[in-house]
Amino acid sequence: MVYENTNCGLGTNRNLLEVITEEPHIPDIEKCGAGKGEECCIFITVSGKGFMCERFSELRDSLIFKTMNAKRDPIEPYPECMKF
């Protein structure tokens, strides 16, 4: 579980949580910083399905610890994380 204004997962008692409908995370290549080097969000990826936001996917931890040009690890909630 990742909370607002943090960039790391924290232990959560899932029995205390209420399931709500999650807004789909749809990246905007310009607003996410694609092509802006270090300013690019580390969670934007591209596949056969097009651009994807992997911020809350199984790839999250791998992308955080991977060496790449992108360096921005946003703490803002979606969609405020898209700063451009």
Protein backbone atom coordinates (compact mmCIF):
# COMPACT_ATOMS: atom_id res chain seq x y z
CA MET A 1 0.00 0.00 0.00
CA VAL A 2 1.34 3.42 -0.91
CA TYR A 3 -0.09 6.48 0.81
CA GLU A 4 -0.41 10.07 -0.41
CA ASN A 5 2.75 12.17 -0.03
CA THR A 6 4.97 9.10 0.28
CA ASN A 7 6.99 7.21 -2.27
CA CYS A 8 7.32 3.91 -0.45
CA GLY A 9 5.03 1.12 0.64
CA LEU A 10 3.97 0.87 4.26
CA GLY A 11 2.52 -2.01 6.26
CA THR A 12 -1.28 -1.88 6.33
CA ASN A 13 -3.89 -3.96 8.14
CA ARG A 14 -6.05 -4.75 5.11
CA ASN A 15 -8.99 -5.68 7.38
CA LEU A 16 -9.36 -1.97 8.18
CA LEU A 17 -9.64 -0.94 4.52
CA GLU A 18 -12.76 -0.36 2.47
CA VAL A 19 -12.68 -1.33 -1.20
CA ILE A 20 -13.46 1.59 -3.52
CA THR A 21 -13.43 1.90 -7.27
CA GLU A 22 -9.96 2.95 -8.37
CA GLU A 23 -9.52 5.54 -11.09
CA PRO A 24 -7.54 3.99 -13.96
CA HIS A 25 -4.01 5.41 -14.21
CA ILE A 26 -3.73 6.60 -17.79
CA PRO A 27 -0.39 8.24 -18.55
CA ASP A 28 -0.04 11.34 -20.67
CA ILE A 29 3.37 11.12 -22.32
CA GLU A 30 3.86 14.89 -22.23
CA LYS A 31 2.62 15.43 -18.66
CA CYS A 32 4.60 12.42 -17.39
CA GLY A 33 7.80 13.87 -18.85
CA ALA A 34 8.59 11.36 -21.59
CA GLY A 35 11.70 12.53 -23.40
CA LYS A 36 12.73 14.89 -20.58
CA GLY A 37 15.57 12.73 -19.23
CA GLU A 38 15.84 12.84 -15.45
CA GLU A 39 12.54 14.76 -15.17
CA CYS A 40 10.62 11.81 -16.66
CA CYS A 41 8.48 9.77 -14.26
CA ILE A 42 10.07 6.40 -13.49
CA PHE A 43 6.71 4.63 -13.73
CA ILE A 44 5.89 5.35 -17.38
CA THR A 45 6.57 2.38 -19.64
CA VAL A 46 5.70 1.41 -23.20
CA SER A 47 4.61 -1.99 -24.48
CA GLY A 48 2.53 -3.48 -27.27
CA LYS A 49 -0.47 -1.94 -25.50
CA GLY A 50 1.05 1.54 -25.72
CA PHE A 51 2.13 3.76 -22.82
CA MET A 52 1.35 2.42 -19.35
CA CYS A 53 1.51 3.82 -15.82
CA GLU A 54 3.14 1.13 -13.66
CA ARG A 55 3.01 3.12 -10.41
CA PHE A 56 0.67 0.62 -8.75
CA SER A 57 1.49 -2.52 -10.74
CA GLU A 58 3.72 -5.51 -10.06
CA LEU A 59 6.58 -3.59 -11.72
CA ARG A 60 6.54 -0.78 -9.13
CA ASP A 61 9.44 -1.96 -6.94
CA SER A 62 11.51 -3.04 -9.94
CA LEU A 63 11.20 0.42 -11.49
CA ILE A 64 12.06 2.20 -8.24
CA PHE A 65 15.34 0.30 -7.90
CA LYS A 66 16.28 0.18 -11.61
CA THR A 67 19.06 2.37 -13.00
CA MET A 68 17.67 4.46 -15.86
CA ASN A 69 17.61 8.01 -17.20
CA ALA A 70 14.22 8.80 -15.61
CA LYS A 71 14.63 9.89 -11.97
CA ARG A 72 11.31 11.46 -10.91
CA ASP A 73 9.56 9.29 -8.29
CA PRO A 74 6.40 11.35 -7.65
CA ILE A 75 4.78 11.54 -4.21
CA GLU A 76 1.66 13.32 -5.46
CA PRO A 77 -1.48 11.21 -6.00
CA TYR A 78 -2.69 10.49 -9.54
CA PRO A 79 -3.35 12.65 -11.61
CA GLU A 80 -1.50 15.46 -9.75
CA CYS A 81 1.72 13.48 -10.28
CA MET A 82 1.71 14.58 -13.93
CA LYS A 83 3.61 17.85 -13.51
CA PHE A 84 4.21 19.03 -17.09
